[in-house]
Amino acid sequence: MEKVIVVGASVAGGFTAYNLAKHFDVEIIEEHNHFKKTCSGILTDPVNDLIKIKKSTIDNKIKNFRIYSPNNNFLEIKLKKPDIIFNREKLNEYIVDMAVKKGATLKQETQFKGIESNKIILNYKNSNRSIKSNYLIGADGSLSTVAKSTGIFTNREFFIAAKAITKMKHDNTISVYPFYGCFSWVVPRNEEEIEIGTMSHYNDAQAFSRFLSKFNSKIISKEASIIPIYNPKIKTYTNFKGINTYLVGDAATMAKATTGGSIMQSLAASKILADSIISNKDYESAWKKEIGNKLNLHLNIRKVIDKFNDKDWNSLVKSLKDKKLIDILESKSRDNPEFVFEMILKKPSLLKFSKVLLRNHKNPRQKISK
């Protein structure tokens, strides 16, 4: 069988390898000896349409959801299907293990170094080896070495993300504060622990500190990372020195600009990528048709709410307290933002919030760093 090198034992890398392993000799390359990721691991119910979930990877399930405004008013909704809170390390390990059981090989503590003379160069414990392969997949995150090595790491911007795991009493409710930074959240991980996190633009690097100071809780751990801002013009395929090279997941900026989530998009794109390689289809056209429009809508929503001020947020949360709108919010997946149009049809007055685009400045707390 032909060789495929997958760089990154991530959700995207593992699931791509799983879907290819029956047809190719797949080798997963991971520079670490663990599967830890900073991502929160919150998924909506449609994940069950993409992958069979192992119960041991789930930390919690939550139906209660609150959206806060700056004046401390909030909208409370009861999700028809619960959000699933995953242990991200266990989820990654589970998906990679699925790929290995299907026939893929996992090589940890191994780095992708680049391409020389039509061969992929890998390094294990300071020793290089070269591999001949016609396929290279970059599932190696926001700062993808594969993208940089093959000349397609261009026109990228990022959010700063930070989170803390703390001990605090809670009522098993997800709370979101979209006016802190770009998006901030409080998510119960289990009966005793909650996750407090923020996503912000670079010019508001102190958003996490401000938000965390609101809570009187014992901090267990802190983590930080960057999240790619989706670029609809991103290039995710190139033939570099005779090697078909693809990007998937965060390496391809496949993250929602509204909340930073990317697991659902990575799973969907991984299936599309594997099918494109197996069937010799155009990968970029296929994934952009399937998930690109949704990601672009998330991006356009971000452009609107980046110009919101506190008064706008207070007004929006108040406007959403409408049974017709609450019914939509309780039943629709946040990964598919087309429900926004359904809400506008139910309540056309929501269109007034689009007028913020006419402002000639952004909220100073939320500028994008160029």
Protein backbone atom coordinates (compact mmCIF):
# COMPACT_ATOMS: atom_id res chain seq x y z
CA MET A 1 0.00 0.00 0.00
CA GLU A 2 1.03 3.59 -0.59
CA LYS A 3 2.50 5.52 2.34
CA VAL A 4 0.72 8.48 3.97
CA ILE A 5 2.41 10.60 6.63
CA VAL A 6 0.03 12.39 9.04
CA VAL A 7 1.77 15.03 11.16
CA GLY A 8 -0.08 15.60 14.44
CA ALA A 9 -1.89 13.10 16.68
CA SER A 10 -4.75 15.55 17.07
CA VAL A 11 -8.47 14.98 16.58
CA ALA A 12 -7.96 16.00 12.95
CA GLY A 13 -4.85 13.88 12.48
CA GLY A 14 -6.19 10.83 14.28
CA PHE A 15 -9.55 10.85 12.51
CA THR A 16 -7.97 11.39 9.09
CA ALA A 17 -5.64 8.45 9.78
CA TYR A 18 -8.58 6.33 10.91
CA ASN A 19 -10.48 6.99 7.69
CA LEU A 20 -7.40 6.31 5.52
CA ALA A 21 -5.93 3.29 7.33
CA LYS A 22 -7.96 0.72 5.41
CA HIS A 23 -6.60 1.96 2.09
CA PHE A 24 -3.07 3.21 2.84
CA ASP A 25 -0.01 2.54 4.97
CA VAL A 26 -0.62 5.41 7.41
CA GLU A 27 1.99 6.70 9.84
CA ILE A 28 0.97 9.27 12.48
CA ILE A 29 3.80 11.54 13.64
CA GLU A 30 3.50 13.23 17.05
CA GLU A 31 6.25 15.32 18.62
CA HIS A 32 4.98 14.81 22.19
CA ASN A 33 4.66 11.66 24.30
CA HIS A 34 1.13 12.60 25.39
CA PHE A 35 -2.21 13.71 23.91
CA LYS A 36 -2.84 16.85 25.97
CA LYS A 37 -4.50 19.80 24.24
CA THR A 38 -5.50 23.22 25.60
CA CYS A 39 -8.89 23.14 23.84
CA SER A 40 -11.89 22.89 26.16
CA GLY A 41 -13.55 19.95 24.44
CA ILE A 42 -17.17 21.20 24.40
CA LEU A 43 -19.23 19.60 21.65
CA THR A 44 -22.83 19.86 20.57
CA ASP A 45 -24.94 16.75 20.00
CA PRO A 46 -24.36 16.42 16.19
CA VAL A 47 -20.91 14.98 17.02
CA ASN A 48 -22.71 11.65 17.31
CA ASP A 49 -23.36 11.78 13.56
CA LEU A 50 -19.60 11.94 12.89
CA ILE A 51 -18.06 9.53 15.37
CA LYS A 52 -19.12 6.88 17.88
CA ILE A 53 -18.29 8.34 21.28
CA LYS A 54 -16.65 6.31 24.02
CA LYS A 55 -18.24 7.06 27.40
CA SER A 56 -14.89 7.13 29.20
CA THR A 57 -13.91 10.25 27.22
CA ILE A 58 -16.87 12.25 28.57
CA ASP A 59 -16.50 14.37 31.71
CA ASN A 60 -19.97 15.88 31.81
CA LYS A 61 -23.23 16.53 29.95
CA ILE A 62 -25.01 19.85 30.39
CA LYS A 63 -28.43 21.13 29.31
CA ASN A 64 -28.49 24.45 31.18
CA PHE A 65 -27.00 27.37 29.25
CA ARG A 66 -26.82 31.09 30.09
CA ILE A 67 -25.78 34.06 27.97
CA TYR A 68 -24.80 37.11 30.04
CA SER A 69 -24.76 40.80 29.16
CA PRO A 70 -22.54 43.50 30.71
CA ASN A 71 -25.35 44.70 33.01
CA ASN A 72 -25.43 41.16 34.49
CA ASN A 73 -28.74 40.37 32.84
CA PHE A 74 -28.84 36.92 31.29
CA LEU A 75 -30.80 34.69 28.97
CA GLU A 76 -31.32 31.16 30.24
CA ILE A 77 -32.05 28.30 27.87
CA LYS A 78 -32.60 24.57 28.32
CA LEU A 79 -30.90 22.68 25.51
CA LYS A 80 -33.04 19.96 23.94
CA LYS A 81 -29.90 17.85 23.59
CA PRO A 82 -27.08 18.34 26.08
CA ASP A 83 -23.68 19.76 25.30
CA ILE A 84 -21.03 17.07 25.78
CA ILE A 85 -17.97 18.01 27.83
CA PHE A 86 -15.02 15.86 26.82
CA ASN A 87 -11.74 15.14 28.50
CA ARG A 88 -9.69 16.43 25.58
CA GLU A 89 -6.65 14.25 26.27
CA LYS A 90 -8.80 11.11 26.47
CA LEU A 91 -10.70 12.09 23.31
CA ASN A 92 -7.48 12.56 21.32
CA GLU A 93 -6.05 9.29 22.62
CA TYR A 94 -9.28 7.44 21.82
CA ILE A 95 -9.42 8.68 18.22
CA VAL A 96 -5.73 7.92 17.60
CA ASP A 97 -6.25 4.47 19.13
CA MET A 98 -9.13 3.93 16.69
CA ALA A 99 -6.72 4.67 13.84
CA VAL A 100 -4.05 2.31 15.22
CA LYS A 101 -6.58 -0.49 15.60
CA LYS A 102 -7.56 0.11 11.97
CA GLY A 103 -3.93 -0.37 10.90
CA ALA A 104 -2.20 3.00 11.28
CA THR A 105 1.18 3.32 13.03
CA LEU A 106 1.81 5.92 15.75
CA LYS A 107 5.29 7.40 16.21
CA GLN A 108 5.51 9.69 19.25
CA GLU A 109 8.39 11.98 20.24
CA THR A 110 9.01 12.36 16.53
CA GLN A 111 9.22 15.68 14.70
CA PHE A 112 8.49 16.59 11.12
CA LYS A 113 11.56 18.55 9.94
CA GLY A 114 10.72 19.29 6.31
CA ILE A 115 11.07 17.92 2.79
CA GLU A 116 14.39 17.31 1.04
CA SER A 117 14.95 15.70 -2.35
CA ASN A 118 11.32 14.57 -2.61
CA LYS A 119 11.50 12.84 0.77
CA ILE A 120 9.87 13.65 4.11
CA ILE A 121 12.42 14.18 6.90
CA LEU A 122 11.49 13.06 10.41
CA ASN A 123 13.54 13.30 13.60
CA TYR A 124 13.46 10.95 16.57
CA LYS A 125 15.83 11.61 19.49
CA ASN A 126 18.16 13.76 17.36
CA SER A 127 18.33 11.15 14.61
CA ASN A 128 16.87 11.95 11.20
CA ARG A 129 15.24 9.50 8.82
CA SER A 130 13.85 10.14 5.36
CA ILE A 131 10.64 8.62 4.04
CA LYS A 132 9.41 8.36 0.49
CA SER A 133 5.70 9.16 0.34
CA ASN A 134 3.34 10.75 -2.16
CA TYR A 135 1.07 12.06 0.61
CA LEU A 136 1.72 14.40 3.54
CA ILE A 137 -1.03 15.65 5.86
CA GLY A 138 -0.54 18.60 8.19
CA ALA A 139 -2.78 18.21 11.24
CA ASP A 140 -0.21 19.95 13.40
CA GLY A 141 -2.15 22.89 14.78
CA SER A 142 -2.28 26.66 14.44
CA LEU A 143 1.44 27.13 13.77
CA SER A 144 1.63 24.20 11.37
CA THR A 145 5.21 23.27 10.49
CA VAL A 146 3.89 21.40 7.46
CA ALA A 147 2.24 24.59 6.16
CA LYS A 148 5.40 26.62 6.80
CA SER A 149 7.69 24.03 5.18
CA THR A 150 5.61 23.83 2.02
CA GLY A 151 5.00 27.56 1.55
CA ILE A 152 1.27 27.74 2.37
CA PHE A 153 1.49 29.35 5.82
CA THR A 154 0.27 32.77 4.69
CA ASN A 155 -2.27 35.46 5.65
CA ARG A 156 -2.98 34.14 9.14
CA GLU A 157 -4.27 35.86 12.24
CA PHE A 158 -4.94 34.40 15.67
CA PHE A 159 -6.91 34.77 18.85
CA ILE A 160 -5.30 34.35 22.27
CA ALA A 161 -7.02 31.70 24.37
CA ALA A 162 -6.50 31.02 28.06
CA LYS A 163 -8.27 28.89 30.63
CA ALA A 164 -8.05 27.89 34.28
CA ILE A 165 -9.40 24.81 36.00
CA THR A 166 -10.71 25.81 39.41
CA LYS A 167 -12.55 24.32 42.37
CA MET A 168 -15.91 25.99 42.90
CA LYS A 169 -19.52 25.09 43.66
CA HIS A 170 -21.79 25.28 40.63
CA ASP A 171 -25.25 24.41 39.34
CA ASN A 172 -24.08 22.47 36.26
CA THR A 173 -24.75 25.36 33.89
CA ILE A 174 -22.62 26.61 31.01
CA SER A 175 -22.35 30.39 31.21
CA VAL A 176 -20.95 32.53 28.40
CA TYR A 177 -19.93 36.20 28.50
CA PRO A 178 -19.47 37.29 24.86
CA PHE A 179 -18.47 40.83 25.88
CA TYR A 180 -15.34 39.78 27.82
CA GLY A 181 -12.55 39.78 25.24
CA CYS A 182 -14.16 38.15 22.23
CA PHE A 183 -15.81 35.32 24.12
CA SER A 184 -15.53 34.04 27.69
CA TRP A 185 -16.99 30.99 29.35
CA VAL A 186 -17.56 29.07 32.57
CA VAL A 187 -18.01 25.34 32.07
CA PRO A 188 -18.50 22.71 34.79
CA ARG A 189 -16.04 19.86 34.21
CA ASN A 190 -17.36 17.64 37.00
CA GLU A 191 -19.10 17.95 40.37
CA GLU A 192 -16.28 19.97 41.94
CA GLU A 193 -14.34 21.63 39.13
CA ILE A 194 -15.16 24.32 36.59
CA GLU A 195 -13.25 25.70 33.64
CA ILE A 196 -12.97 29.48 33.31
CA GLY A 197 -11.70 30.67 29.94
CA THR A 198 -11.45 33.51 27.46
CA MET A 199 -10.70 34.08 23.80
CA SER A 200 -9.49 37.54 22.79
CA HIS A 201 -7.68 39.50 20.13
CA TYR A 202 -4.02 40.32 20.76
CA ASN A 203 -4.79 43.94 21.65
CA ASP A 204 -6.82 42.70 24.60
CA ALA A 205 -4.33 40.29 26.10
CA GLN A 206 -5.51 41.10 29.64
CA ALA A 207 -9.05 39.82 29.04
CA PHE A 208 -8.35 36.53 30.82
CA SER A 209 -6.93 38.20 33.94
CA ARG A 210 -9.92 40.55 34.14
CA PHE A 211 -12.40 37.72 33.72
CA LEU A 212 -10.70 35.31 36.13
CA SER A 213 -10.66 37.99 38.84
CA LYS A 214 -14.48 37.87 38.89
CA PHE A 215 -14.41 34.44 40.51
CA ASN A 216 -13.44 33.56 44.04
CA SER A 217 -12.18 30.05 43.44
CA LYS A 218 -9.12 27.88 44.04
CA ILE A 219 -7.05 27.64 40.85
CA ILE A 220 -5.82 24.14 40.05
CA SER A 221 -4.13 24.81 36.71
CA LYS A 222 -3.78 27.38 33.92
CA GLU A 223 -3.13 26.99 30.19
CA ALA A 224 -2.85 29.27 27.19
CA SER A 225 -2.75 28.79 23.43
CA ILE A 226 -3.58 30.50 20.15
CA ILE A 227 -6.62 29.84 17.97
CA PRO A 228 -6.55 30.48 14.21
CA ILE A 229 -8.98 33.00 12.78
CA TYR A 230 -10.67 31.35 9.81
CA ASN A 231 -9.42 32.60 6.45
CA PRO A 232 -11.82 31.78 3.56
CA LYS A 233 -8.91 32.18 1.12
CA ILE A 234 -6.68 29.70 2.94
CA LYS A 235 -4.75 27.28 0.75
CA THR A 236 -5.03 23.73 2.09
CA TYR A 237 -3.44 21.74 -0.74
CA THR A 238 -0.18 21.99 -2.62
CA ASN A 239 2.00 19.62 -4.57
CA PHE A 240 5.40 20.35 -3.01
CA LYS A 241 8.39 18.67 -4.58
CA GLY A 242 6.13 15.94 -5.94
CA ILE A 243 4.40 15.30 -2.59
CA ASN A 244 0.65 15.90 -2.33
CA THR A 245 0.37 18.01 0.83
CA TYR A 246 -2.87 18.74 2.67
CA LEU A 247 -3.85 20.76 5.75
CA VAL A 248 -6.74 19.92 8.08
CA GLY A 249 -8.11 21.20 11.40
CA ASP A 250 -6.45 24.19 13.07
CA ALA A 251 -3.58 23.92 10.59
CA ALA A 252 -6.16 24.89 7.96
CA THR A 253 -7.75 27.63 10.19
CA MET A 254 -10.92 25.52 10.51
CA ALA A 255 -12.08 27.16 13.75
CA LYS A 256 -15.30 29.04 14.49
CA ALA A 257 -14.51 32.75 14.77
CA THR A 258 -17.44 33.20 17.15
CA THR A 259 -16.25 30.87 19.94
CA GLY A 260 -12.95 29.35 18.78
CA GLY A 261 -14.29 25.79 18.70
CA SER A 262 -12.89 23.51 16.01
CA ILE A 263 -13.43 19.85 16.96
CA MET A 264 -16.64 19.35 14.96
CA GLN A 265 -15.14 21.09 11.93
CA SER A 266 -11.94 19.02 12.23
CA LEU A 267 -13.90 15.75 12.34
CA ALA A 268 -16.00 16.72 9.32
CA ALA A 269 -12.97 17.91 7.32
CA SER A 270 -11.00 14.77 8.19
CA LYS A 271 -13.66 12.56 6.61
CA ILE A 272 -13.73 14.80 3.54
CA LEU A 273 -9.93 14.73 3.25
CA ALA A 274 -9.74 10.95 3.50
CA ASP A 275 -12.48 10.54 0.89
CA SER A 276 -10.76 13.05 -1.40
CA ILE A 277 -7.47 11.13 -1.27
CA ILE A 278 -9.11 7.72 -1.67
CA SER A 279 -11.33 8.87 -4.56
CA ASN A 280 -8.87 11.38 -6.08
CA LYS A 281 -11.23 14.33 -5.59
CA ASP A 282 -10.56 18.05 -5.16
CA TYR A 283 -10.15 18.40 -1.40
CA GLU A 284 -10.34 22.20 -1.17
CA SER A 285 -13.58 22.41 -3.14
CA ALA A 286 -15.12 19.56 -1.14
CA TRP A 287 -14.41 20.88 2.37
CA LYS A 288 -15.29 24.47 1.50
CA LYS A 289 -18.61 23.31 0.10
CA GLU A 290 -19.36 21.24 3.21
CA ILE A 291 -18.12 23.43 6.07
CA GLY A 292 -16.59 26.54 4.48
CA ASN A 293 -19.87 28.46 4.24
CA LYS A 294 -20.59 27.79 7.92
CA LEU A 295 -17.11 28.92 8.94
CA ASN A 296 -17.47 32.03 6.81
CA LEU A 297 -20.78 32.87 8.49
CA HIS A 298 -19.12 32.50 11.91
CA LEU A 299 -16.43 34.90 10.64
CA ASN A 300 -18.97 37.47 9.45
CA ILE A 301 -20.82 37.28 12.76
CA ARG A 302 -17.48 37.95 14.48
CA LYS A 303 -16.96 41.05 12.32
CA VAL A 304 -20.32 42.37 13.50
CA ILE A 305 -19.98 41.63 17.21
CA ASP A 306 -16.39 42.92 17.31
CA LYS A 307 -17.99 46.36 16.95
CA PHE A 308 -20.53 45.84 19.74
CA ASN A 309 -20.32 48.02 22.81
CA ASP A 310 -21.84 47.26 26.19
CA LYS A 311 -25.12 48.93 25.24
CA ASP A 312 -25.40 46.68 22.16
CA TRP A 313 -24.82 43.54 24.22
CA ASN A 314 -27.36 44.59 26.84
CA SER A 315 -29.92 45.24 24.10
CA LEU A 316 -29.21 41.98 22.25
CA VAL A 317 -29.57 39.74 25.32
CA LYS A 318 -32.81 41.53 26.17
CA SER A 319 -34.08 41.06 22.60
CA LEU A 320 -33.33 37.34 22.71
CA LYS A 321 -35.77 36.89 25.60
CA ASP A 322 -38.49 35.95 23.17
CA LYS A 323 -40.09 32.49 23.27
CA LYS A 324 -39.86 32.09 19.49
CA LEU A 325 -36.12 32.78 19.61
CA ILE A 326 -35.51 30.73 22.75
CA ASP A 327 -37.11 27.71 21.04
CA ILE A 328 -34.58 28.05 18.21
CA LEU A 329 -31.62 28.47 20.56
CA GLU A 330 -32.68 25.43 22.58
CA SER A 331 -33.00 23.12 19.58
CA LYS A 332 -30.38 24.21 17.03
CA SER A 333 -26.69 23.32 17.03
CA ARG A 334 -24.36 26.29 17.51
CA ASP A 335 -21.98 24.67 15.01
CA ASN A 336 -24.48 25.41 12.24
CA PRO A 337 -24.98 29.19 12.46
CA GLU A 338 -27.62 29.30 9.73
CA PHE A 339 -30.16 29.32 12.56
CA VAL A 340 -29.38 33.05 12.83
CA PHE A 341 -31.38 33.63 9.64
CA GLU A 342 -34.31 31.70 11.11
CA MET A 343 -34.17 33.95 14.18
CA ILE A 344 -34.19 37.07 11.99
CA LEU A 345 -37.26 35.78 10.13
CA LYS A 346 -38.98 35.26 13.48
CA LYS A 347 -37.90 38.69 14.74
CA PRO A 348 -36.82 41.08 11.94
CA SER A 349 -35.93 43.80 14.47
CA LEU A 350 -32.70 41.84 15.11
CA LEU A 351 -31.40 43.30 11.85
CA LYS A 352 -30.82 46.57 13.69
CA PHE A 353 -27.66 45.06 15.19
CA SER A 354 -26.06 44.76 11.74
CA LYS A 355 -25.90 48.57 11.64
CA VAL A 356 -22.84 48.46 13.89
CA LEU A 357 -20.87 47.61 10.73
CA LEU A 358 -21.30 51.25 9.70
CA ARG A 359 -19.22 52.37 12.65
CA ASN A 360 -15.73 53.40 11.63
CA HIS A 361 -14.07 51.80 14.64
CA LYS A 362 -14.08 48.58 16.59
CA ASN A 363 -14.61 48.17 20.29
CA PRO A 364 -11.17 49.23 21.64
CA ARG A 365 -11.11 46.16 23.85
CA GLN A 366 -11.44 43.91 20.82
CA LYS A 367 -9.18 45.12 18.01
CA ILE A 368 -7.53 42.58 15.76
CA SER A 369 -3.74 42.72 15.85
CA LYS A 370 -2.43 42.83 12.31
